[in-house]
Amino acid sequence: MGKLIGSKGPLFRCYKHAGCDFVERTRIGDALVLCLKSDLRVIDEQFPQHRHSPLFMLFKRFFGHIYPMGQRLWPEDIAVLDAAIAEARAHGKGKELQTHLKHMKRSERSNSTACETLLEGLRRRYSKLLVLRVDFEYFSTYCPGVGFRGQAMTLDEAKAHRDKLLKYLRKGPYGKHLAGYMWKMEYGFEKGYHFHMAIFFDGQRVAKDIVLADVLGRHWQNEVTEGKGMYFNCNKSKEDYERCGIGMVNRMDDVKWSYVEEAMRYLTKVDLYLRFQAGKRTRTFATSSASTGRTKAPPQAPVPTIGMQLRPAI
């Protein structure tokens, strides 16, 4: 839709060849026809917890009533399409749509700022960091004739499980070596509620990132969710990442740190197409706060306990 709004001129042209009528399409016209074949009703059903992009709503408003017959366009379809394209272009250049898009970008910038603040503080505080990336999820259920669906889990239950996990991080056996964390909550049609989490430990005190991530995952699975949960340990697949930003990271390794920043970028990104909307006064992203003390972390001397406080997540 963004390209359509910014385009000029017709996207379709009718012509005759060997006595038959044909429709020539531009590249944007091809993309539009492909989108017209989408079942918008199914999209609404599969993402009930999401707020659709303003661009998607624009498409739904002006093109949702157009259903091409068969695999090709006919000359009689073009008048209806041209009228919808003209309306979409006019509306897309208005202030209302641009304001909506700016609000979404502002949310992403806010998340990015919180992430950068945490990472900068951690790099100043610690000479080495052990970076874990773990996805905490729930088992899906299979419905005959429908497929996999997210487990029947309420938002309040998911939030309670998240808080129990964060408490274990701060107060559990590895809490004294915890340096910081950030998390993002999402909702998927097949997965239901789930959390993407990055967890940082003092690399001078703990190692074996794969083992530690498994310990946290099993605690989520067996203790926090009482068997309803599952997890994915991203650190087990470090070799799959060409620019790996997880595992052990040295403060002086600028290249590795740039990979860490790239890896964390996913957690701060706002989806411009389908944005998860949990409800009023419910955060979908948060970071811990790390006090930034001396610029050098002594390699052998005990590291003072860092005060960890989650930014309000209701």
C-alpha atoms as a PDB file:
ATOM      1  CA  MET A   1       0.000   0.000   0.000  1.00  0.00           C
ATOM      2  CA  GLY A   2       2.881   2.351   0.677  1.00  0.00           C
ATOM      3  CA  LYS A   3       4.151   1.963  -2.877  1.00  0.00           C
ATOM      4  CA  LEU A   4       0.647   2.287  -4.299  1.00  0.00           C
ATOM      5  CA  ILE A   5       0.071   5.559  -2.434  1.00  0.00           C
ATOM      6  CA  GLY A   6       3.343   6.977  -3.715  1.00  0.00           C
ATOM      7  CA  SER A   7       2.797   5.808  -7.289  1.00  0.00           C
ATOM      8  CA  LYS A   8       1.521   7.896 -10.198  1.00  0.00           C
ATOM      9  CA  GLY A   9      -0.345   7.013 -13.331  1.00  0.00           C
ATOM     10  CA  PRO A  10      -2.471   3.958 -14.138  1.00  0.00           C
ATOM     11  CA  LEU A  11      -1.549   0.536 -12.780  1.00  0.00           C
ATOM     12  CA  PHE A  12      -3.566  -1.253 -15.452  1.00  0.00           C
ATOM     13  CA  ARG A  13      -3.966  -0.773 -19.207  1.00  0.00           C
ATOM     14  CA  CYS A  14      -6.484  -2.455 -21.501  1.00  0.00           C
ATOM     15  CA  TYR A  15      -5.474  -3.494 -24.998  1.00  0.00           C
ATOM     16  CA  LYS A  16      -6.588  -5.796 -27.796  1.00  0.00           C
ATOM     17  CA  HIS A  17      -4.619  -8.588 -29.383  1.00  0.00           C
ATOM     18  CA  ALA A  18      -5.852 -10.951 -32.089  1.00  0.00           C
ATOM     19  CA  GLY A  19      -9.368  -9.732 -31.482  1.00  0.00           C
ATOM     20  CA  CYS A  20      -9.282 -10.486 -27.733  1.00  0.00           C
ATOM     21  CA  ASP A  21      -9.284  -8.081 -24.772  1.00  0.00           C
ATOM     22  CA  PHE A  22      -6.345  -8.159 -22.354  1.00  0.00           C
ATOM     23  CA  VAL A  23      -5.187  -6.192 -19.309  1.00  0.00           C
ATOM     24  CA  GLU A  24      -1.554  -5.175 -18.875  1.00  0.00           C
ATOM     25  CA  ARG A  25      -0.377  -4.694 -15.295  1.00  0.00           C
ATOM     26  CA  THR A  26       2.521  -2.798 -13.749  1.00  0.00           C
ATOM     27  CA  ARG A  27       4.585  -4.394 -10.993  1.00  0.00           C
ATOM     28  CA  ILE A  28       2.533  -2.600  -8.339  1.00  0.00           C
ATOM     29  CA  GLY A  29      -0.612  -3.683 -10.171  1.00  0.00           C
ATOM     30  CA  ASP A  30       0.563  -7.309  -9.966  1.00  0.00           C
ATOM     31  CA  ALA A  31       1.114  -6.960  -6.219  1.00  0.00           C
ATOM     32  CA  LEU A  32      -2.320  -5.398  -5.786  1.00  0.00           C
ATOM     33  CA  VAL A  33      -4.047  -8.239  -7.637  1.00  0.00           C
ATOM     34  CA  LEU A  34      -2.216 -10.761  -5.456  1.00  0.00           C
ATOM     35  CA  CYS A  35      -3.453  -8.959  -2.325  1.00  0.00           C
ATOM     36  CA  LEU A  36      -7.004  -8.919  -3.644  1.00  0.00           C
ATOM     37  CA  LYS A  37      -6.991 -12.721  -3.502  1.00  0.00           C
ATOM     38  CA  SER A  38      -6.418 -12.663   0.265  1.00  0.00           C
ATOM     39  CA  ASP A  39      -9.254 -13.734   2.544  1.00  0.00           C
ATOM     40  CA  LEU A  40      -9.523 -10.727   4.864  1.00  0.00           C
ATOM     41  CA  ARG A  41     -12.083 -12.494   7.041  1.00  0.00           C
ATOM     42  CA  VAL A  42      -9.579 -15.242   7.870  1.00  0.00           C
ATOM     43  CA  ILE A  43      -6.919 -12.642   8.715  1.00  0.00           C
ATOM     44  CA  ASP A  44      -9.298 -11.029  11.223  1.00  0.00           C
ATOM     45  CA  GLU A  45     -10.113 -14.429  12.751  1.00  0.00           C
ATOM     46  CA  GLN A  46      -6.490 -15.514  13.083  1.00  0.00           C
ATOM     47  CA  PHE A  47      -5.242 -12.302  14.692  1.00  0.00           C
ATOM     48  CA  PRO A  48      -7.966 -11.278  17.161  1.00  0.00           C
ATOM     49  CA  GLN A  49      -5.439  -9.761  19.590  1.00  0.00           C
ATOM     50  CA  HIS A  50      -3.775  -7.525  17.030  1.00  0.00           C
ATOM     51  CA  ARG A  51      -4.300  -3.987  15.864  1.00  0.00           C
ATOM     52  CA  HIS A  52      -3.943  -3.926  12.123  1.00  0.00           C
ATOM     53  CA  SER A  53      -1.626  -1.523  10.372  1.00  0.00           C
ATOM     54  CA  PRO A  54      -3.229   1.697   9.102  1.00  0.00           C
ATOM     55  CA  LEU A  55      -2.041   0.582   5.651  1.00  0.00           C
ATOM     56  CA  PHE A  56      -3.900  -2.711   6.002  1.00  0.00           C
ATOM     57  CA  MET A  57      -7.032  -0.883   7.133  1.00  0.00           C
ATOM     58  CA  LEU A  58      -6.680   1.424   4.135  1.00  0.00           C
ATOM     59  CA  PHE A  59      -6.538  -1.601   1.834  1.00  0.00           C
ATOM     60  CA  LYS A  60      -9.511  -3.187   3.563  1.00  0.00           C
ATOM     61  CA  ARG A  61     -11.548   0.004   3.297  1.00  0.00           C
ATOM     62  CA  PHE A  62     -11.057   0.655  -0.415  1.00  0.00           C
ATOM     63  CA  PHE A  63     -10.325  -2.792  -1.848  1.00  0.00           C
ATOM     64  CA  GLY A  64     -12.055  -5.194   0.559  1.00  0.00           C
ATOM     65  CA  HIS A  65     -15.179  -5.342  -1.605  1.00  0.00           C
ATOM     66  CA  ILE A  66     -13.340  -6.210  -4.834  1.00  0.00           C
ATOM     67  CA  TYR A  67     -13.075  -9.895  -5.725  1.00  0.00           C
ATOM     68  CA  PRO A  68     -11.340 -10.707  -9.045  1.00  0.00           C
ATOM     69  CA  MET A  69     -12.904 -13.629 -10.864  1.00  0.00           C
ATOM     70  CA  GLY A  70     -10.436 -16.351 -11.794  1.00  0.00           C
ATOM     71  CA  GLN A  71      -6.708 -15.904 -12.421  1.00  0.00           C
ATOM     72  CA  ARG A  72      -6.901 -12.873 -14.703  1.00  0.00           C
ATOM     73  CA  LEU A  73      -8.350  -9.389 -14.822  1.00  0.00           C
ATOM     74  CA  TRP A  74     -10.952  -8.377 -17.366  1.00  0.00           C
ATOM     75  CA  PRO A  75     -11.387  -4.916 -18.904  1.00  0.00           C
ATOM     76  CA  GLU A  76     -14.655  -4.472 -17.027  1.00  0.00           C
ATOM     77  CA  ASP A  77     -12.744  -4.812 -13.705  1.00  0.00           C
ATOM     78  CA  ILE A  78     -10.467  -1.857 -14.392  1.00  0.00           C
ATOM     79  CA  ALA A  79     -12.961   0.974 -13.807  1.00  0.00           C
ATOM     80  CA  VAL A  80     -13.714  -0.289 -10.301  1.00  0.00           C
ATOM     81  CA  LEU A  81     -10.015  -0.771  -9.525  1.00  0.00           C
ATOM     82  CA  ASP A  82      -9.029   2.646 -10.859  1.00  0.00           C
ATOM     83  CA  ALA A  83     -11.653   4.328  -8.705  1.00  0.00           C
ATOM     84  CA  ALA A  84     -10.454   2.474  -5.577  1.00  0.00           C
ATOM     85  CA  ILE A  85      -6.817   3.319  -6.379  1.00  0.00           C
ATOM     86  CA  ALA A  86      -7.644   7.018  -6.741  1.00  0.00           C
ATOM     87  CA  GLU A  87      -9.443   7.064  -3.373  1.00  0.00           C
ATOM     88  CA  ALA A  88      -6.655   5.139  -1.641  1.00  0.00           C
ATOM     89  CA  ARG A  89      -3.994   7.499  -3.006  1.00  0.00           C
ATOM     90  CA  ALA A  90      -5.935  10.577  -1.908  1.00  0.00           C
ATOM     91  CA  HIS A  91      -6.604   9.212   1.583  1.00  0.00           C
ATOM     92  CA  GLY A  92      -3.081   7.847   1.970  1.00  0.00           C
ATOM     93  CA  LYS A  93      -1.537  11.277   1.516  1.00  0.00           C
ATOM     94  CA  GLY A  94      -3.736  12.812   4.194  1.00  0.00           C
ATOM     95  CA  LYS A  95      -2.693  13.740   7.718  1.00  0.00           C
ATOM     96  CA  GLU A  96      -4.711  11.001   9.444  1.00  0.00           C
ATOM     97  CA  LEU A  97      -2.741   8.090   8.003  1.00  0.00           C
ATOM     98  CA  GLN A  98       0.624   9.799   8.436  1.00  0.00           C
ATOM     99  CA  THR A  99      -0.194  10.521  12.085  1.00  0.00           C
ATOM    100  CA  HIS A 100      -0.997   6.841  12.728  1.00  0.00           C
ATOM    101  CA  LEU A 101       2.259   5.720  11.136  1.00  0.00           C
ATOM    102  CA  LYS A 102       4.262   8.274  13.151  1.00  0.00           C
ATOM    103  CA  HIS A 103       2.719   6.990  16.397  1.00  0.00           C
ATOM    104  CA  MET A 104       3.826   3.445  15.572  1.00  0.00           C
ATOM    105  CA  LYS A 105       7.345   4.599  14.755  1.00  0.00           C
ATOM    106  CA  ARG A 106       7.456   6.590  17.999  1.00  0.00           C
ATOM    107  CA  SER A 107       6.682   3.433  19.972  1.00  0.00           C
ATOM    108  CA  GLU A 108       9.536   1.618  18.238  1.00  0.00           C
ATOM    109  CA  ARG A 109      11.930   4.475  18.976  1.00  0.00           C
ATOM    110  CA  SER A 110      10.920   4.379  22.638  1.00  0.00           C
ATOM    111  CA  ASN A 111      11.661   0.647  22.818  1.00  0.00           C
ATOM    112  CA  SER A 112      14.973   1.149  21.021  1.00  0.00           C
ATOM    113  CA  THR A 113      16.005   3.895  23.430  1.00  0.00           C
ATOM    114  CA  ALA A 114      15.291   1.672  26.451  1.00  0.00           C
ATOM    115  CA  CYS A 115      17.275  -1.157  24.835  1.00  0.00           C
ATOM    116  CA  GLU A 116      20.241   1.090  24.013  1.00  0.00           C
ATOM    117  CA  THR A 117      20.282   2.514  27.537  1.00  0.00           C
ATOM    118  CA  LEU A 118      20.431  -0.978  29.037  1.00  0.00           C
ATOM    119  CA  LEU A 119      23.132  -2.222  26.656  1.00  0.00           C
ATOM    120  CA  GLU A 120      25.312   0.857  27.161  1.00  0.00           C
ATOM    121  CA  GLY A 121      25.058   0.474  30.931  1.00  0.00           C
ATOM    122  CA  LEU A 122      25.898  -3.221  30.785  1.00  0.00           C
ATOM    123  CA  ARG A 123      28.932  -2.644  28.587  1.00  0.00           C
ATOM    124  CA  ARG A 124      30.284  -0.009  30.964  1.00  0.00           C
ATOM    125  CA  ARG A 125      29.610  -2.176  33.992  1.00  0.00           C
ATOM    126  CA  TYR A 126      30.881  -5.577  32.880  1.00  0.00           C
ATOM    127  CA  SER A 127      34.076  -6.657  31.143  1.00  0.00           C
ATOM    128  CA  LYS A 128      32.302  -9.782  29.860  1.00  0.00           C
ATOM    129  CA  LEU A 129      28.638 -10.607  29.399  1.00  0.00           C
ATOM    130  CA  LEU A 130      26.926 -13.927  28.856  1.00  0.00           C
ATOM    131  CA  VAL A 131      23.980 -13.223  26.537  1.00  0.00           C
ATOM    132  CA  LEU A 132      21.033 -15.634  26.390  1.00  0.00           C
ATOM    133  CA  ARG A 133      18.080 -15.557  23.988  1.00  0.00           C
ATOM    134  CA  VAL A 134      15.187 -17.758  25.006  1.00  0.00           C
ATOM    135  CA  ASP A 135      11.592 -17.870  23.776  1.00  0.00           C
ATOM    136  CA  PHE A 136       9.109 -18.868  26.474  1.00  0.00           C
ATOM    137  CA  GLU A 137       5.916 -20.302  25.016  1.00  0.00           C
ATOM    138  CA  TYR A 138       2.972 -22.641  25.623  1.00  0.00           C
ATOM    139  CA  PHE A 139       2.169 -25.970  24.012  1.00  0.00           C
ATOM    140  CA  SER A 140      -0.297 -25.678  21.145  1.00  0.00           C
ATOM    141  CA  THR A 141      -3.434 -27.793  20.887  1.00  0.00           C
ATOM    142  CA  TYR A 142      -4.527 -29.601  17.729  1.00  0.00           C
ATOM    143  CA  CYS A 143      -8.100 -29.157  16.549  1.00  0.00           C
ATOM    144  CA  PRO A 144      -9.227 -31.678  13.862  1.00  0.00           C
ATOM    145  CA  GLY A 145     -10.139 -29.931  10.642  1.00  0.00           C
ATOM    146  CA  VAL A 146      -8.722 -26.637  11.862  1.00  0.00           C
ATOM    147  CA  GLY A 147      -5.079 -27.290  12.760  1.00  0.00           C
ATOM    148  CA  PHE A 148      -2.958 -26.079  15.651  1.00  0.00           C
ATOM    149  CA  ARG A 149      -4.291 -23.368  17.926  1.00  0.00           C
ATOM    150  CA  GLY A 150      -2.832 -21.512  20.864  1.00  0.00           C
ATOM    151  CA  GLN A 151      -3.555 -22.992  24.249  1.00  0.00           C
ATOM    152  CA  ALA A 152      -6.537 -21.543  26.112  1.00  0.00           C
ATOM    153  CA  MET A 153      -4.505 -19.136  28.225  1.00  0.00           C
ATOM    154  CA  THR A 154      -5.809 -15.802  29.482  1.00  0.00           C
ATOM    155  CA  LEU A 155      -3.751 -12.630  29.379  1.00  0.00           C
ATOM    156  CA  ASP A 156      -3.729 -12.456  33.182  1.00  0.00           C
ATOM    157  CA  GLU A 157      -2.372 -16.015  33.385  1.00  0.00           C
ATOM    158  CA  ALA A 158       0.375 -15.247  30.878  1.00  0.00           C
ATOM    159  CA  LYS A 159       1.340 -12.088  32.768  1.00  0.00           C
ATOM    160  CA  ALA A 160       1.418 -14.010  36.066  1.00  0.00           C
ATOM    161  CA  HIS A 161       3.704 -16.638  34.516  1.00  0.00           C
ATOM    162  CA  ARG A 162       5.980 -13.918  33.165  1.00  0.00           C
ATOM    163  CA  ASP A 163       6.239 -12.279  36.578  1.00  0.00           C
ATOM    164  CA  LYS A 164       7.060 -15.623  38.257  1.00  0.00           C
ATOM    165  CA  LEU A 165       9.828 -16.197  35.734  1.00  0.00           C
ATOM    166  CA  LEU A 166      11.282 -12.717  36.273  1.00  0.00           C
ATOM    167  CA  LYS A 167      11.178 -13.243  40.037  1.00  0.00           C
ATOM    168  CA  TYR A 168      13.103 -16.496  39.586  1.00  0.00           C
ATOM    169  CA  LEU A 169      15.676 -14.638  37.490  1.00  0.00           C
ATOM    170  CA  ARG A 170      16.185 -12.017  40.183  1.00  0.00           C
ATOM    171  CA  LYS A 171      15.859 -14.189  43.308  1.00  0.00           C
ATOM    172  CA  GLY A 172      16.840 -17.657  42.063  1.00  0.00           C
ATOM    173  CA  PRO A 173      20.210 -19.416  42.232  1.00  0.00           C
ATOM    174  CA  TYR A 174      21.705 -17.277  39.447  1.00  0.00           C
ATOM    175  CA  GLY A 175      20.152 -14.008  40.580  1.00  0.00           C
ATOM    176  CA  LYS A 176      23.372 -12.679  42.114  1.00  0.00           C
ATOM    177  CA  HIS A 177      25.035 -12.909  38.715  1.00  0.00           C
ATOM    178  CA  LEU A 178      22.134 -11.411  36.747  1.00  0.00           C
ATOM    179  CA  ALA A 179      23.113  -8.232  34.904  1.00  0.00           C
ATOM    180  CA  GLY A 180      19.890  -7.368  33.078  1.00  0.00           C
ATOM    181  CA  TYR A 181      17.129  -8.520  30.763  1.00  0.00           C
ATOM    182  CA  MET A 182      14.514  -7.400  28.291  1.00  0.00           C
ATOM    183  CA  TRP A 183      11.345  -9.089  27.082  1.00  0.00           C
ATOM    184  CA  LYS A 184       8.689  -8.755  24.427  1.00  0.00           C
ATOM    185  CA  MET A 185       5.223 -10.297  24.590  1.00  0.00           C
ATOM    186  CA  GLU A 186       3.458 -11.425  21.418  1.00  0.00           C
ATOM    187  CA  TYR A 187       0.343 -13.348  20.459  1.00  0.00           C
ATOM    188  CA  GLY A 188       0.208 -15.827  17.592  1.00  0.00           C
ATOM    189  CA  PHE A 189      -2.654 -17.820  16.101  1.00  0.00           C
ATOM    190  CA  GLU A 190      -0.912 -21.171  16.666  1.00  0.00           C
ATOM    191  CA  LYS A 191       1.206 -20.257  19.707  1.00  0.00           C
ATOM    192  CA  GLY A 192      -1.111 -18.001  21.673  1.00  0.00           C
ATOM    193  CA  TYR A 193       0.709 -15.739  24.156  1.00  0.00           C
ATOM    194  CA  HIS A 194       4.495 -16.088  24.239  1.00  0.00           C
ATOM    195  CA  PHE A 195       7.560 -14.141  25.319  1.00  0.00           C
ATOM    196  CA  HIS A 196      10.844 -13.394  23.552  1.00  0.00           C
ATOM    197  CA  MET A 197      13.487 -12.703  26.174  1.00  0.00           C
ATOM    198  CA  ALA A 198      17.133 -11.616  26.224  1.00  0.00           C
ATOM    199  CA  ILE A 199      18.942 -12.275  29.507  1.00  0.00           C
ATOM    200  CA  PHE A 200      22.381 -10.966  30.448  1.00  0.00           C
ATOM    201  CA  PHE A 201      24.679 -12.459  33.101  1.00  0.00           C
ATOM    202  CA  ASP A 202      28.081 -11.427  34.441  1.00  0.00           C
ATOM    203  CA  GLY A 203      30.451 -13.312  32.143  1.00  0.00           C
ATOM    204  CA  GLN A 204      33.163 -13.286  34.825  1.00  0.00           C
ATOM    205  CA  ARG A 205      30.945 -15.372  37.092  1.00  0.00           C
ATOM    206  CA  VAL A 206      28.969 -17.724  34.842  1.00  0.00           C
ATOM    207  CA  ALA A 207      29.553 -19.508  31.537  1.00  0.00           C
ATOM    208  CA  LYS A 208      27.943 -22.392  29.612  1.00  0.00           C
ATOM    209  CA  ASP A 209      25.170 -20.338  28.063  1.00  0.00           C
ATOM    210  CA  ILE A 210      23.358 -23.341  26.541  1.00  0.00           C
ATOM    211  CA  VAL A 211      23.156 -25.138  29.875  1.00  0.00           C
ATOM    212  CA  LEU A 212      21.988 -22.027  31.709  1.00  0.00           C
ATOM    213  CA  ALA A 213      19.299 -21.279  29.105  1.00  0.00           C
ATOM    214  CA  ASP A 214      18.050 -24.863  29.444  1.00  0.00           C
ATOM    215  CA  VAL A 215      17.866 -24.460  33.233  1.00  0.00           C
ATOM    216  CA  LEU A 216      15.687 -21.368  32.817  1.00  0.00           C
ATOM    217  CA  GLY A 217      13.582 -23.053  30.142  1.00  0.00           C
ATOM    218  CA  ARG A 218      12.913 -26.137  32.238  1.00  0.00           C
ATOM    219  CA  HIS A 219      11.968 -23.950  35.189  1.00  0.00           C
ATOM    220  CA  TRP A 220       9.432 -22.169  32.967  1.00  0.00           C
ATOM    221  CA  GLN A 221       8.122 -25.455  31.642  1.00  0.00           C
ATOM    222  CA  ASN A 222       7.901 -27.455  34.866  1.00  0.00           C
ATOM    223  CA  GLU A 223       7.581 -24.943  37.691  1.00  0.00           C
ATOM    224  CA  VAL A 224       6.151 -21.696  36.360  1.00  0.00           C
ATOM    225  CA  THR A 225       3.548 -23.118  33.942  1.00  0.00           C
ATOM    226  CA  GLU A 226       3.218 -26.545  35.623  1.00  0.00           C
ATOM    227  CA  GLY A 227       3.725 -28.448  32.389  1.00  0.00           C
ATOM    228  CA  LYS A 228       1.758 -26.154  30.089  1.00  0.00           C
ATOM    229  CA  GLY A 229       4.811 -24.328  28.784  1.00  0.00           C
ATOM    230  CA  MET A 230       7.631 -24.997  26.371  1.00  0.00           C
ATOM    231  CA  TYR A 231      10.719 -23.044  25.381  1.00  0.00           C
ATOM    232  CA  PHE A 232      13.191 -22.546  22.560  1.00  0.00           C
ATOM    233  CA  ASN A 233      16.857 -22.120  23.426  1.00  0.00           C
ATOM    234  CA  CYS A 234      18.335 -19.880  20.695  1.00  0.00           C
ATOM    235  CA  ASN A 235      21.842 -20.345  22.138  1.00  0.00           C
ATOM    236  CA  LYS A 236      21.801 -23.961  20.974  1.00  0.00           C
ATOM    237  CA  SER A 237      21.806 -22.681  17.400  1.00  0.00           C
ATOM    238  CA  LYS A 238      24.576 -20.067  17.561  1.00  0.00           C
ATOM    239  CA  GLU A 239      26.285 -21.606  14.526  1.00  0.00           C
ATOM    240  CA  ASP A 240      23.182 -20.826  12.455  1.00  0.00           C
ATOM    241  CA  TYR A 241      23.717 -17.084  12.891  1.00  0.00           C
ATOM    242  CA  GLU A 242      26.184 -15.498  10.492  1.00  0.00           C
ATOM    243  CA  ARG A 243      26.369 -12.442  12.770  1.00  0.00           C
ATOM    244  CA  CYS A 244      25.946 -14.072  16.164  1.00  0.00           C
ATOM    245  CA  GLY A 245      25.102 -11.676  19.002  1.00  0.00           C
ATOM    246  CA  ILE A 246      24.524 -14.236  21.759  1.00  0.00           C
ATOM    247  CA  GLY A 247      26.843 -16.264  23.968  1.00  0.00           C
ATOM    248  CA  MET A 248      29.942 -14.807  25.636  1.00  0.00           C
ATOM    249  CA  VAL A 249      30.721 -11.203  24.675  1.00  0.00           C
ATOM    250  CA  ASN A 250      33.840  -9.257  25.629  1.00  0.00           C
ATOM    251  CA  ARG A 251      33.511  -5.541  26.299  1.00  0.00           C
ATOM    252  CA  MET A 252      36.430  -4.714  24.001  1.00  0.00           C
ATOM    253  CA  ASP A 253      35.067  -6.670  21.036  1.00  0.00           C
ATOM    254  CA  ASP A 254      33.347  -3.939  19.008  1.00  0.00           C
ATOM    255  CA  VAL A 255      32.298  -6.312  16.222  1.00  0.00           C
ATOM    256  CA  LYS A 256      30.656  -8.769  18.608  1.00  0.00           C
ATOM    257  CA  TRP A 257      28.892  -5.933  20.386  1.00  0.00           C
ATOM    258  CA  SER A 258      27.477  -4.703  17.086  1.00  0.00           C
ATOM    259  CA  TYR A 259      26.031  -8.200  16.623  1.00  0.00           C
ATOM    260  CA  VAL A 260      24.485  -8.033  20.099  1.00  0.00           C
ATOM    261  CA  GLU A 261      22.776  -4.773  19.164  1.00  0.00           C
ATOM    262  CA  GLU A 262      21.459  -6.350  15.955  1.00  0.00           C
ATOM    263  CA  ALA A 263      20.150  -9.383  17.843  1.00  0.00           C
ATOM    264  CA  MET A 264      18.300  -7.154  20.306  1.00  0.00           C
ATOM    265  CA  ARG A 265      16.779  -5.064  17.549  1.00  0.00           C
ATOM    266  CA  TYR A 266      14.120  -7.704  16.910  1.00  0.00           C
ATOM    267  CA  LEU A 267      12.776  -7.302  20.434  1.00  0.00           C
ATOM    268  CA  THR A 268      12.315  -3.561  20.003  1.00  0.00           C
ATOM    269  CA  LYS A 269      10.821  -3.621  16.519  1.00  0.00           C
ATOM    270  CA  VAL A 270       7.164  -2.710  16.108  1.00  0.00           C
ATOM    271  CA  ASP A 271       5.369  -4.717  13.443  1.00  0.00           C
ATOM    272  CA  LEU A 272       3.876  -2.247  10.978  1.00  0.00           C
ATOM    273  CA  TYR A 273       1.406  -4.801   9.600  1.00  0.00           C
ATOM    274  CA  LEU A 274      -0.061  -6.612  12.599  1.00  0.00           C
ATOM    275  CA  ARG A 275       0.694  -5.061  15.946  1.00  0.00           C
ATOM    276  CA  PHE A 276      -0.091  -7.129  19.027  1.00  0.00           C
ATOM    277  CA  GLN A 277      -2.406  -5.225  21.347  1.00  0.00           C
ATOM    278  CA  ALA A 278      -2.751  -6.896  24.730  1.00  0.00           C
ATOM    279  CA  GLY A 279      -5.107  -4.361  26.270  1.00  0.00           C
ATOM    280  CA  LYS A 280      -5.113  -1.135  28.232  1.00  0.00           C
ATOM    281  CA  ARG A 281      -2.299  -0.602  30.747  1.00  0.00           C
ATOM    282  CA  THR A 282      -0.524  -3.773  29.605  1.00  0.00           C
ATOM    283  CA  ARG A 283       3.057  -3.555  28.434  1.00  0.00           C
ATOM    284  CA  THR A 284       4.250  -5.704  25.563  1.00  0.00           C
ATOM    285  CA  PHE A 285       7.904  -4.685  25.978  1.00  0.00           C
ATOM    286  CA  ALA A 286      10.073  -3.864  28.989  1.00  0.00           C
ATOM    287  CA  THR A 287      13.679  -3.868  30.137  1.00  0.00           C
ATOM    288  CA  SER A 288      15.355  -4.146  33.504  1.00  0.00           C
ATOM    289  CA  SER A 289      17.368  -1.225  34.777  1.00  0.00           C
ATOM    290  CA  ALA A 290      21.084  -1.699  35.441  1.00  0.00           C
ATOM    291  CA  SER A 291      23.014   0.719  37.641  1.00  0.00           C
ATOM    292  CA  THR A 292      26.120   1.865  35.766  1.00  0.00           C
ATOM    293  CA  GLY A 293      29.051   2.108  38.134  1.00  0.00           C
ATOM    294  CA  ARG A 294      32.742   2.019  37.340  1.00  0.00           C
ATOM    295  CA  THR A 295      33.828   1.836  33.740  1.00  0.00           C
ATOM    296  CA  LYS A 296      36.096  -1.093  34.567  1.00  0.00           C
ATOM    297  CA  ALA A 297      34.822  -4.294  36.066  1.00  0.00           C
ATOM    298  CA  PRO A 298      37.677  -5.921  37.998  1.00  0.00           C
ATOM    299  CA  PRO A 299      38.390  -9.307  36.448  1.00  0.00           C
ATOM    300  CA  GLN A 300      38.703 -11.137  39.775  1.00  0.00           C
ATOM    301  CA  ALA A 301      37.264  -8.876  42.476  1.00  0.00           C
ATOM    302  CA  PRO A 302      33.642  -9.557  43.526  1.00  0.00           C
ATOM    303  CA  VAL A 303      31.126  -7.547  41.558  1.00  0.00           C
ATOM    304  CA  PRO A 304      28.705  -5.552  43.760  1.00  0.00           C
ATOM    305  CA  THR A 305      25.109  -6.687  43.573  1.00  0.00           C
ATOM    306  CA  ILE A 306      23.243  -4.594  41.055  1.00  0.00           C
ATOM    307  CA  GLY A 307      19.845  -3.269  41.974  1.00  0.00           C
ATOM    308  CA  MET A 308      17.417  -4.682  39.438  1.00  0.00           C
ATOM    309  CA  GLN A 309      14.004  -3.141  39.029  1.00  0.00           C
ATOM    310  CA  LEU A 310      11.608  -3.902  36.216  1.00  0.00           C
ATOM    311  CA  ARG A 311      10.018  -0.901  34.644  1.00  0.00           C
ATOM    312  CA  PRO A 312       6.333  -1.006  35.516  1.00  0.00           C
ATOM    313  CA  ALA A 313       4.554  -3.850  33.730  1.00  0.00           C
ATOM    314  CA  ILE A 314       0.962  -4.106  34.803  1.00  0.00           C
END
